[in-house]
Amino acid sequence: MDPLLLVLIVAGVAAAFCWITSLVTNETSWIDRLWSVVPVVYVWIFAGAALVAGIDATRLVVMAVLVTAWGARLTFNFARKGGYTGMEDYRWAILRGRMTTWQFQLFNIFFIVLFQSALLVLITLPAYIAWQHPVPSTGWDAAFAVLFAAFLVGETIADQQQWNFHRAKASAGGTLEPGFVTTGLFAYSRHPNFFFEQAQWWVFYALGAVALVVSGGSWLNWTIAGAALLTVLFIGSTIFTESISASKYPAYRDYQRTTSMLIPLPRRRGRAPKPA
C-alpha cells in the first residue's frame, strides 16, 4: 500500500472523530488535542514504509525522530495547561458568541475540523517526497536537522518563560503588570513560540527538498503548501489573538509598537510595557 493512502485513511478517521466528539461534547478543541499526535503518526508511516521496503530510510527516520521530539514537547506543554481536561480554546468560545448556531457549526466542520486536519497532513508531506526519493543523506540533512533542533529548543524556552509568567500571575491573584509577558525572548518577539513553531516546519520542508535535490530536482516542490498554509494560519490566528489582548490590556498597544510580532528582532524605540 502506498503510505500516502494509509496517511489519508488515518487522517479521515481522526477528522471524523474530532467532528463527532465536538457535537457530542459541544466543545471544539478535539483537533487541538490531536495536533501534536497525528503528524508524528503520519511521518512514522512514511518512515516505516521505507524500512519495510528495505530502501535507505536514514533521512526518513531522522525526520520521524525530529517530529516525535516536536510532538512530545507540544503534548507536554498542552497537557500542563489543561488541554486534555476538557478545556476549550478561549478563541473558539469568543467566535461561537459572535456567530449563530448554524454559522458556527459550518465553521466547525469546514475550518476547525476539515481544514486543520488537511493541514496536519500537508505539513508532513515532505516525508512523502523523501519516501519517493530514498537517496543517501548529505551534509544538508545534518545542517537542517541541527537547525530543527535549535528551533525546538527556542520554542521550549519561550513556552517555559510564558508558563513561568502565568504561574507568577496566578500566584499574584490573577493580576501582574502589564498583564502579559514582555521579558526573555518576549522582549524581541511578541510570539517567539509561534515563530519557532513555524520555523520548524519550514526546516522540515527543506529536509524533504534535500532528497529531491539530490535526485536532480529543485528545492521548490509542491509540498511547500503545508508550511506556507501553516504560516498563513498562524498569522491570522495571531492577529485575532492580539485583538483580544489589546482589548484586555491597555499597555498592549505600546508593546505592539515596540516589539516585532513574530521574528525576534531588537526592540524598536518607544515606551515598552514595564514588567512587574
C-alpha atoms as a PDB file:
ATOM      1  CA  MET A   1       0.000   0.000   0.000  1.00  0.00           C
ATOM      2  CA  ASP A   2       1.176   3.493  -0.824  1.00  0.00           C
ATOM      3  CA  PRO A   3       1.955   5.092   2.585  1.00  0.00           C
ATOM      4  CA  LEU A   4       0.196   8.285   1.493  1.00  0.00           C
ATOM      5  CA  LEU A   5      -3.068   6.347   1.175  1.00  0.00           C
ATOM      6  CA  LEU A   6      -2.638   5.000   4.704  1.00  0.00           C
ATOM      7  CA  VAL A   7      -1.930   8.515   5.978  1.00  0.00           C
ATOM      8  CA  LEU A   8      -5.118   9.787   4.317  1.00  0.00           C
ATOM      9  CA  ILE A   9      -7.157   6.958   5.879  1.00  0.00           C
ATOM     10  CA  VAL A  10      -5.805   7.748   9.362  1.00  0.00           C
ATOM     11  CA  ALA A  11      -6.438  11.458   8.773  1.00  0.00           C
ATOM     12  CA  GLY A  12     -10.021  10.757   7.730  1.00  0.00           C
ATOM     13  CA  VAL A  13     -10.662   8.703  10.859  1.00  0.00           C
ATOM     14  CA  ALA A  14      -9.096  11.423  13.038  1.00  0.00           C
ATOM     15  CA  ALA A  15     -11.212  14.151  11.393  1.00  0.00           C
ATOM     16  CA  ALA A  16     -14.403  12.125  11.835  1.00  0.00           C
ATOM     17  CA  PHE A  17     -13.508  11.575  15.490  1.00  0.00           C
ATOM     18  CA  CYS A  18     -12.938  15.303  16.060  1.00  0.00           C
ATOM     19  CA  TRP A  19     -16.211  16.287  14.390  1.00  0.00           C
ATOM     20  CA  ILE A  20     -18.364  13.682  16.166  1.00  0.00           C
ATOM     21  CA  THR A  21     -16.861  14.393  19.587  1.00  0.00           C
ATOM     22  CA  SER A  22     -17.322  18.142  19.058  1.00  0.00           C
ATOM     23  CA  LEU A  23     -21.037  17.544  18.505  1.00  0.00           C
ATOM     24  CA  VAL A  24     -21.378  15.171  21.459  1.00  0.00           C
ATOM     25  CA  THR A  25     -19.445  17.331  23.952  1.00  0.00           C
ATOM     26  CA  ASN A  26     -20.380  20.742  22.479  1.00  0.00           C
ATOM     27  CA  GLU A  27     -16.753  21.894  22.553  1.00  0.00           C
ATOM     28  CA  THR A  28     -14.398  22.118  19.617  1.00  0.00           C
ATOM     29  CA  SER A  29     -10.858  21.645  20.899  1.00  0.00           C
ATOM     30  CA  TRP A  30     -10.574  17.992  19.896  1.00  0.00           C
ATOM     31  CA  ILE A  31      -8.426  18.834  16.891  1.00  0.00           C
ATOM     32  CA  ASP A  32      -6.130  20.731  19.271  1.00  0.00           C
ATOM     33  CA  ARG A  33      -5.715  17.551  21.319  1.00  0.00           C
ATOM     34  CA  LEU A  34      -4.632  15.606  18.235  1.00  0.00           C
ATOM     35  CA  TRP A  35      -2.472  18.403  16.812  1.00  0.00           C
ATOM     36  CA  SER A  36       0.747  17.150  18.405  1.00  0.00           C
ATOM     37  CA  VAL A  37      -0.036  13.463  17.861  1.00  0.00           C
ATOM     38  CA  VAL A  38      -1.187  12.766  14.309  1.00  0.00           C
ATOM     39  CA  PRO A  39       1.779  14.404  12.497  1.00  0.00           C
ATOM     40  CA  VAL A  40       4.063  12.040  14.421  1.00  0.00           C
ATOM     41  CA  VAL A  41       1.956   9.084  13.264  1.00  0.00           C
ATOM     42  CA  TYR A  42       1.981  10.277   9.654  1.00  0.00           C
ATOM     43  CA  VAL A  43       5.751  10.716   9.449  1.00  0.00           C
ATOM     44  CA  TRP A  44       6.374   7.333  11.062  1.00  0.00           C
ATOM     45  CA  ILE A  45       4.049   5.761   8.487  1.00  0.00           C
ATOM     46  CA  PHE A  46       6.359   7.050   5.741  1.00  0.00           C
ATOM     47  CA  ALA A  47       9.474   6.005   7.670  1.00  0.00           C
ATOM     48  CA  GLY A  48       8.002   2.582   8.426  1.00  0.00           C
ATOM     49  CA  ALA A  49       7.127   2.054   4.761  1.00  0.00           C
ATOM     50  CA  ALA A  50      10.748   2.778   3.819  1.00  0.00           C
ATOM     51  CA  LEU A  51      12.073   0.392   6.470  1.00  0.00           C
ATOM     52  CA  VAL A  52       9.702  -2.386   5.392  1.00  0.00           C
ATOM     53  CA  ALA A  53      10.650  -1.872   1.745  1.00  0.00           C
ATOM     54  CA  GLY A  54      14.342  -2.172   2.619  1.00  0.00           C
ATOM     55  CA  ILE A  55      15.275   1.143   0.997  1.00  0.00           C
ATOM     56  CA  ASP A  56      17.566   3.773   2.529  1.00  0.00           C
ATOM     57  CA  ALA A  57      15.417   5.137   5.363  1.00  0.00           C
ATOM     58  CA  THR A  58      18.061   7.203   7.164  1.00  0.00           C
ATOM     59  CA  ARG A  59      16.603  10.564   6.181  1.00  0.00           C
ATOM     60  CA  LEU A  60      13.046   9.483   6.994  1.00  0.00           C
ATOM     61  CA  VAL A  61      13.988   8.059  10.387  1.00  0.00           C
ATOM     62  CA  VAL A  62      15.755  11.330  11.251  1.00  0.00           C
ATOM     63  CA  MET A  63      12.662  13.263  10.130  1.00  0.00           C
ATOM     64  CA  ALA A  64      10.439  10.979  12.211  1.00  0.00           C
ATOM     65  CA  VAL A  65      12.621  11.341  15.311  1.00  0.00           C
ATOM     66  CA  LEU A  66      12.628  15.142  14.968  1.00  0.00           C
ATOM     67  CA  VAL A  67       8.841  15.289  14.605  1.00  0.00           C
ATOM     68  CA  THR A  68       8.459  12.910  17.558  1.00  0.00           C
ATOM     69  CA  ALA A  69      10.522  15.311  19.684  1.00  0.00           C
ATOM     70  CA  TRP A  70       8.354  18.186  18.413  1.00  0.00           C
ATOM     71  CA  GLY A  71       5.200  16.263  19.314  1.00  0.00           C
ATOM     72  CA  ALA A  72       6.427  15.250  22.760  1.00  0.00           C
ATOM     73  CA  ARG A  73       7.279  18.843  23.657  1.00  0.00           C
ATOM     74  CA  LEU A  74       3.987  20.210  22.366  1.00  0.00           C
ATOM     75  CA  THR A  75       1.961  17.463  24.059  1.00  0.00           C
ATOM     76  CA  PHE A  76       3.648  18.184  27.390  1.00  0.00           C
ATOM     77  CA  ASN A  77       3.058  21.917  27.120  1.00  0.00           C
ATOM     78  CA  PHE A  78      -0.564  21.448  26.078  1.00  0.00           C
ATOM     79  CA  ALA A  79      -1.198  18.948  28.888  1.00  0.00           C
ATOM     80  CA  ARG A  80       0.219  21.122  31.666  1.00  0.00           C
ATOM     81  CA  LYS A  81      -2.093  23.948  30.574  1.00  0.00           C
ATOM     82  CA  GLY A  82      -5.085  21.643  30.997  1.00  0.00           C
ATOM     83  CA  GLY A  83      -5.642  20.958  27.313  1.00  0.00           C
ATOM     84  CA  TYR A  84      -6.632  17.327  27.881  1.00  0.00           C
ATOM     85  CA  THR A  85      -9.049  18.010  30.734  1.00  0.00           C
ATOM     86  CA  GLY A  86     -11.962  19.344  28.681  1.00  0.00           C
ATOM     87  CA  MET A  87     -10.747  22.949  28.472  1.00  0.00           C
ATOM     88  CA  GLU A  88     -11.772  24.585  25.186  1.00  0.00           C
ATOM     89  CA  ASP A  89      -9.585  27.120  23.407  1.00  0.00           C
ATOM     90  CA  TYR A  90     -10.903  30.507  24.552  1.00  0.00           C
ATOM     91  CA  ARG A  91     -10.839  31.813  20.989  1.00  0.00           C
ATOM     92  CA  TRP A  92     -13.426  29.257  19.851  1.00  0.00           C
ATOM     93  CA  ALA A  93     -15.746  30.388  22.653  1.00  0.00           C
ATOM     94  CA  ILE A  94     -15.398  34.006  21.525  1.00  0.00           C
ATOM     95  CA  LEU A  95     -16.145  33.103  17.913  1.00  0.00           C
ATOM     96  CA  ARG A  96     -19.128  30.997  18.982  1.00  0.00           C
ATOM     97  CA  GLY A  97     -20.535  34.059  20.714  1.00  0.00           C
ATOM     98  CA  ARG A  98     -20.191  36.099  17.506  1.00  0.00           C
ATOM     99  CA  MET A  99     -21.982  33.585  15.275  1.00  0.00           C
ATOM    100  CA  THR A 100     -25.373  31.944  15.107  1.00  0.00           C
ATOM    101  CA  THR A 101     -25.504  28.233  15.919  1.00  0.00           C
ATOM    102  CA  TRP A 102     -25.597  27.115  12.279  1.00  0.00           C
ATOM    103  CA  GLN A 103     -22.815  29.512  11.283  1.00  0.00           C
ATOM    104  CA  PHE A 104     -20.540  28.166  13.994  1.00  0.00           C
ATOM    105  CA  GLN A 105     -21.320  24.566  13.040  1.00  0.00           C
ATOM    106  CA  LEU A 106     -20.288  25.299   9.444  1.00  0.00           C
ATOM    107  CA  PHE A 107     -17.118  26.966  10.769  1.00  0.00           C
ATOM    108  CA  ASN A 108     -16.551  23.910  12.963  1.00  0.00           C
ATOM    109  CA  ILE A 109     -16.791  21.313  10.196  1.00  0.00           C
ATOM    110  CA  PHE A 110     -15.047  23.217   7.402  1.00  0.00           C
ATOM    111  CA  PHE A 111     -12.327  25.145   9.251  1.00  0.00           C
ATOM    112  CA  ILE A 112     -11.731  23.668  12.695  1.00  0.00           C
ATOM    113  CA  VAL A 113     -12.046  20.047  11.594  1.00  0.00           C
ATOM    114  CA  LEU A 114     -11.515  19.660   7.841  1.00  0.00           C
ATOM    115  CA  PHE A 115      -9.061  22.465   7.076  1.00  0.00           C
ATOM    116  CA  GLN A 116      -6.883  21.833  10.107  1.00  0.00           C
ATOM    117  CA  SER A 117      -6.966  18.052   9.590  1.00  0.00           C
ATOM    118  CA  ALA A 118      -5.853  18.566   5.986  1.00  0.00           C
ATOM    119  CA  LEU A 119      -3.147  20.982   7.136  1.00  0.00           C
ATOM    120  CA  LEU A 120      -1.745  18.406   9.558  1.00  0.00           C
ATOM    121  CA  VAL A 121      -1.344  16.046   6.612  1.00  0.00           C
ATOM    122  CA  LEU A 122       0.150  18.706   4.354  1.00  0.00           C
ATOM    123  CA  ILE A 123       2.903  19.752   6.758  1.00  0.00           C
ATOM    124  CA  THR A 124       4.147  16.148   6.938  1.00  0.00           C
ATOM    125  CA  LEU A 125       4.238  15.510   3.175  1.00  0.00           C
ATOM    126  CA  PRO A 126       7.928  16.416   2.756  1.00  0.00           C
ATOM    127  CA  ALA A 127       8.350  12.937   4.267  1.00  0.00           C
ATOM    128  CA  TYR A 128       6.429  11.599   1.255  1.00  0.00           C
ATOM    129  CA  ILE A 129       8.970  13.273  -1.029  1.00  0.00           C
ATOM    130  CA  ALA A 130      11.751  11.647   1.000  1.00  0.00           C
ATOM    131  CA  TRP A 131       9.997   8.278   0.655  1.00  0.00           C
ATOM    132  CA  GLN A 132       9.723   8.723  -3.112  1.00  0.00           C
ATOM    133  CA  HIS A 133      13.431   9.616  -3.366  1.00  0.00           C
ATOM    134  CA  PRO A 134      15.387   7.342  -0.971  1.00  0.00           C
ATOM    135  CA  VAL A 135      18.789   8.821  -1.757  1.00  0.00           C
ATOM    136  CA  PRO A 136      21.717   8.872   0.700  1.00  0.00           C
ATOM    137  CA  SER A 137      21.809  11.591   3.351  1.00  0.00           C
ATOM    138  CA  THR A 138      24.061  14.607   2.862  1.00  0.00           C
ATOM    139  CA  GLY A 139      25.582  17.396   4.889  1.00  0.00           C
ATOM    140  CA  TRP A 140      22.441  19.411   4.172  1.00  0.00           C
ATOM    141  CA  ASP A 141      20.415  16.831   6.094  1.00  0.00           C
ATOM    142  CA  ALA A 142      22.673  17.203   9.110  1.00  0.00           C
ATOM    143  CA  ALA A 143      22.555  21.001   8.938  1.00  0.00           C
ATOM    144  CA  PHE A 144      18.773  21.116   8.693  1.00  0.00           C
ATOM    145  CA  ALA A 145      18.370  18.545  11.459  1.00  0.00           C
ATOM    146  CA  VAL A 146      20.503  20.694  13.780  1.00  0.00           C
ATOM    147  CA  LEU A 147      18.509  23.782  12.778  1.00  0.00           C
ATOM    148  CA  PHE A 148      15.224  22.000  13.506  1.00  0.00           C
ATOM    149  CA  ALA A 149      16.563  21.014  16.937  1.00  0.00           C
ATOM    150  CA  ALA A 150      17.678  24.606  17.601  1.00  0.00           C
ATOM    151  CA  PHE A 151      14.205  25.933  16.786  1.00  0.00           C
ATOM    152  CA  LEU A 152      12.724  23.228  19.017  1.00  0.00           C
ATOM    153  CA  VAL A 153      14.907  24.407  21.906  1.00  0.00           C
ATOM    154  CA  GLY A 154      13.881  28.017  21.216  1.00  0.00           C
ATOM    155  CA  GLU A 155      10.197  27.126  21.358  1.00  0.00           C
ATOM    156  CA  THR A 156      10.727  25.152  24.558  1.00  0.00           C
ATOM    157  CA  ILE A 157      12.401  28.166  26.197  1.00  0.00           C
ATOM    158  CA  ALA A 158       9.657  30.544  25.030  1.00  0.00           C
ATOM    159  CA  ASP A 159       6.886  28.291  26.305  1.00  0.00           C
ATOM    160  CA  GLN A 160       8.645  27.898  29.647  1.00  0.00           C
ATOM    161  CA  GLN A 161       9.036  31.673  30.014  1.00  0.00           C
ATOM    162  CA  GLN A 162       5.349  32.117  29.251  1.00  0.00           C
ATOM    163  CA  TRP A 163       4.432  29.348  31.687  1.00  0.00           C
ATOM    164  CA  ASN A 164       6.551  30.914  34.445  1.00  0.00           C
ATOM    165  CA  PHE A 165       4.853  34.278  33.905  1.00  0.00           C
ATOM    166  CA  HIS A 166       1.341  32.855  34.081  1.00  0.00           C
ATOM    167  CA  ARG A 167       2.179  30.897  37.228  1.00  0.00           C
ATOM    168  CA  ALA A 168       3.529  34.070  38.823  1.00  0.00           C
ATOM    169  CA  LYS A 169       0.410  35.899  37.657  1.00  0.00           C
ATOM    170  CA  ALA A 170      -1.823  33.265  39.234  1.00  0.00           C
ATOM    171  CA  SER A 171       0.164  33.438  42.477  1.00  0.00           C
ATOM    172  CA  ALA A 172      -0.314  37.212  42.487  1.00  0.00           C
ATOM    173  CA  GLY A 173      -4.075  36.799  42.432  1.00  0.00           C
ATOM    174  CA  GLY A 174      -4.548  36.943  38.673  1.00  0.00           C
ATOM    175  CA  THR A 175      -3.064  40.406  38.179  1.00  0.00           C
ATOM    176  CA  LEU A 176       0.549  41.047  37.244  1.00  0.00           C
ATOM    177  CA  GLU A 177       1.538  44.147  35.318  1.00  0.00           C
ATOM    178  CA  PRO A 178       1.467  44.681  32.435  1.00  0.00           C
ATOM    179  CA  GLY A 179      -0.768  41.596  32.185  1.00  0.00           C
ATOM    180  CA  PHE A 180       1.360  39.707  29.639  1.00  0.00           C
ATOM    181  CA  VAL A 181       4.964  38.527  29.409  1.00  0.00           C
ATOM    182  CA  THR A 182       7.468  41.010  27.958  1.00  0.00           C
ATOM    183  CA  THR A 183      10.798  39.642  29.179  1.00  0.00           C
ATOM    184  CA  GLY A 184      13.205  36.984  27.925  1.00  0.00           C
ATOM    185  CA  LEU A 185      12.503  36.033  24.323  1.00  0.00           C
ATOM    186  CA  PHE A 186       9.291  38.055  24.521  1.00  0.00           C
ATOM    187  CA  ALA A 187      11.401  41.215  24.617  1.00  0.00           C
ATOM    188  CA  TYR A 188      12.320  40.521  20.982  1.00  0.00           C
ATOM    189  CA  SER A 189       9.115  38.956  19.655  1.00  0.00           C
ATOM    190  CA  ARG A 190       5.524  39.159  20.862  1.00  0.00           C
ATOM    191  CA  HIS A 191       5.122  35.492  19.946  1.00  0.00           C
ATOM    192  CA  PRO A 192       8.532  33.782  19.831  1.00  0.00           C
ATOM    193  CA  ASN A 193       6.912  30.385  20.396  1.00  0.00           C
ATOM    194  CA  PHE A 194       4.795  30.907  17.256  1.00  0.00           C
ATOM    195  CA  PHE A 195       7.883  31.891  15.275  1.00  0.00           C
ATOM    196  CA  PHE A 196       9.852  28.813  16.315  1.00  0.00           C
ATOM    197  CA  GLU A 197       6.855  26.550  15.667  1.00  0.00           C
ATOM    198  CA  GLN A 198       6.541  27.723  12.075  1.00  0.00           C
ATOM    199  CA  ALA A 199      10.300  27.700  11.546  1.00  0.00           C
ATOM    200  CA  GLN A 200      10.486  24.001  12.438  1.00  0.00           C
ATOM    201  CA  TRP A 201       8.037  23.085   9.690  1.00  0.00           C
ATOM    202  CA  TRP A 202       9.856  25.194   7.115  1.00  0.00           C
ATOM    203  CA  VAL A 203      13.015  23.273   8.026  1.00  0.00           C
ATOM    204  CA  PHE A 204      11.062  20.020   7.784  1.00  0.00           C
ATOM    205  CA  TYR A 205      10.071  21.030   4.248  1.00  0.00           C
ATOM    206  CA  ALA A 206      13.759  21.663   3.494  1.00  0.00           C
ATOM    207  CA  LEU A 207      14.658  18.156   4.683  1.00  0.00           C
ATOM    208  CA  GLY A 208      12.245  16.672   2.165  1.00  0.00           C
ATOM    209  CA  ALA A 209      13.507  19.009  -0.535  1.00  0.00           C
ATOM    210  CA  VAL A 210      17.068  17.771   0.002  1.00  0.00           C
ATOM    211  CA  ALA A 211      16.012  14.310  -1.168  1.00  0.00           C
ATOM    212  CA  LEU A 212      14.539  15.804  -4.334  1.00  0.00           C
ATOM    213  CA  VAL A 213      17.591  17.980  -5.000  1.00  0.00           C
ATOM    214  CA  VAL A 214      19.980  15.038  -4.605  1.00  0.00           C
ATOM    215  CA  SER A 215      17.779  13.186  -7.099  1.00  0.00           C
ATOM    216  CA  GLY A 216      18.257  16.014  -9.589  1.00  0.00           C
ATOM    217  CA  GLY A 217      15.146  18.024  -8.769  1.00  0.00           C
ATOM    218  CA  SER A 218      14.504  21.515  -7.438  1.00  0.00           C
ATOM    219  CA  TRP A 219      14.480  22.968  -3.944  1.00  0.00           C
ATOM    220  CA  LEU A 220      10.951  24.149  -4.705  1.00  0.00           C
ATOM    221  CA  ASN A 221       8.250  21.472  -4.792  1.00  0.00           C
ATOM    222  CA  TRP A 222       4.507  21.182  -4.164  1.00  0.00           C
ATOM    223  CA  THR A 223       4.838  20.128  -0.513  1.00  0.00           C
ATOM    224  CA  ILE A 224       5.764  23.718   0.336  1.00  0.00           C
ATOM    225  CA  ALA A 225       1.988  24.236   0.551  1.00  0.00           C
ATOM    226  CA  GLY A 226       1.981  22.755   4.056  1.00  0.00           C
ATOM    227  CA  ALA A 227       4.496  25.167   5.586  1.00  0.00           C
ATOM    228  CA  ALA A 228       3.007  28.106   3.660  1.00  0.00           C
ATOM    229  CA  LEU A 229      -0.560  27.398   4.801  1.00  0.00           C
ATOM    230  CA  LEU A 230       0.637  26.871   8.373  1.00  0.00           C
ATOM    231  CA  THR A 231       2.245  30.324   8.294  1.00  0.00           C
ATOM    232  CA  VAL A 232      -0.975  31.855   6.920  1.00  0.00           C
ATOM    233  CA  LEU A 233      -2.949  30.146   9.699  1.00  0.00           C
ATOM    234  CA  PHE A 234      -0.551  31.361  12.388  1.00  0.00           C
ATOM    235  CA  ILE A 235      -0.573  34.936  11.125  1.00  0.00           C
ATOM    236  CA  GLY A 236      -4.371  35.006  11.050  1.00  0.00           C
ATOM    237  CA  SER A 237      -4.601  33.392  14.496  1.00  0.00           C
ATOM    238  CA  THR A 238      -2.000  35.796  15.896  1.00  0.00           C
ATOM    239  CA  ILE A 239      -3.865  38.855  14.611  1.00  0.00           C
ATOM    240  CA  PHE A 240      -7.098  37.586  16.181  1.00  0.00           C
ATOM    241  CA  THR A 241      -5.368  36.723  19.463  1.00  0.00           C
ATOM    242  CA  GLU A 242      -3.736  40.159  19.610  1.00  0.00           C
ATOM    243  CA  SER A 243      -7.072  41.904  19.076  1.00  0.00           C
ATOM    244  CA  ILE A 244      -8.279  40.153  22.228  1.00  0.00           C
ATOM    245  CA  SER A 245      -5.105  41.032  24.173  1.00  0.00           C
ATOM    246  CA  ALA A 246      -5.269  44.691  23.106  1.00  0.00           C
ATOM    247  CA  SER A 247      -8.863  44.918  24.327  1.00  0.00           C
ATOM    248  CA  LYS A 248      -7.900  43.465  27.717  1.00  0.00           C
ATOM    249  CA  TYR A 249      -4.594  45.183  28.440  1.00  0.00           C
ATOM    250  CA  PRO A 250      -4.088  48.950  27.875  1.00  0.00           C
ATOM    251  CA  ALA A 251      -0.299  48.509  27.616  1.00  0.00           C
ATOM    252  CA  TYR A 252      -0.529  46.006  24.769  1.00  0.00           C
ATOM    253  CA  ARG A 253      -0.659  48.734  22.095  1.00  0.00           C
ATOM    254  CA  ASP A 254       2.732  50.037  23.284  1.00  0.00           C
ATOM    255  CA  TYR A 255       4.077  46.501  23.209  1.00  0.00           C
ATOM    256  CA  GLN A 256       2.889  46.129  19.613  1.00  0.00           C
ATOM    257  CA  ARG A 257       4.591  49.378  18.602  1.00  0.00           C
ATOM    258  CA  THR A 258       7.957  48.443  20.078  1.00  0.00           C
ATOM    259  CA  THR A 259       8.220  44.685  19.603  1.00  0.00           C
ATOM    260  CA  SER A 260       8.215  42.508  16.499  1.00  0.00           C
ATOM    261  CA  MET A 261       5.137  40.325  16.096  1.00  0.00           C
ATOM    262  CA  LEU A 262       6.900  37.073  15.152  1.00  0.00           C
ATOM    263  CA  ILE A 263      10.532  37.245  14.041  1.00  0.00           C
ATOM    264  CA  PRO A 264      12.796  38.008  17.043  1.00  0.00           C
ATOM    265  CA  LEU A 265      14.306  41.452  16.455  1.00  0.00           C
ATOM    266  CA  PRO A 266      15.793  44.215  18.639  1.00  0.00           C
ATOM    267  CA  ARG A 267      13.085  46.274  20.314  1.00  0.00           C
ATOM    268  CA  ARG A 268      12.146  49.425  18.407  1.00  0.00           C
ATOM    269  CA  ARG A 269      12.218  52.844  20.020  1.00  0.00           C
ATOM    270  CA  GLY A 270       9.181  53.651  22.065  1.00  0.00           C
ATOM    271  CA  ARG A 271       7.747  53.153  25.505  1.00  0.00           C
ATOM    272  CA  ALA A 272       7.815  49.446  26.264  1.00  0.00           C
ATOM    273  CA  PRO A 273       5.446  47.985  28.886  1.00  0.00           C
ATOM    274  CA  LYS A 274       7.184  47.656  32.216  1.00  0.00           C
ATOM    275  CA  PRO A 275       7.262  44.119  33.649  1.00  0.00           C
ATOM    276  CA  ALA A 276       6.303  43.606  37.261  1.00  0.00           C
END
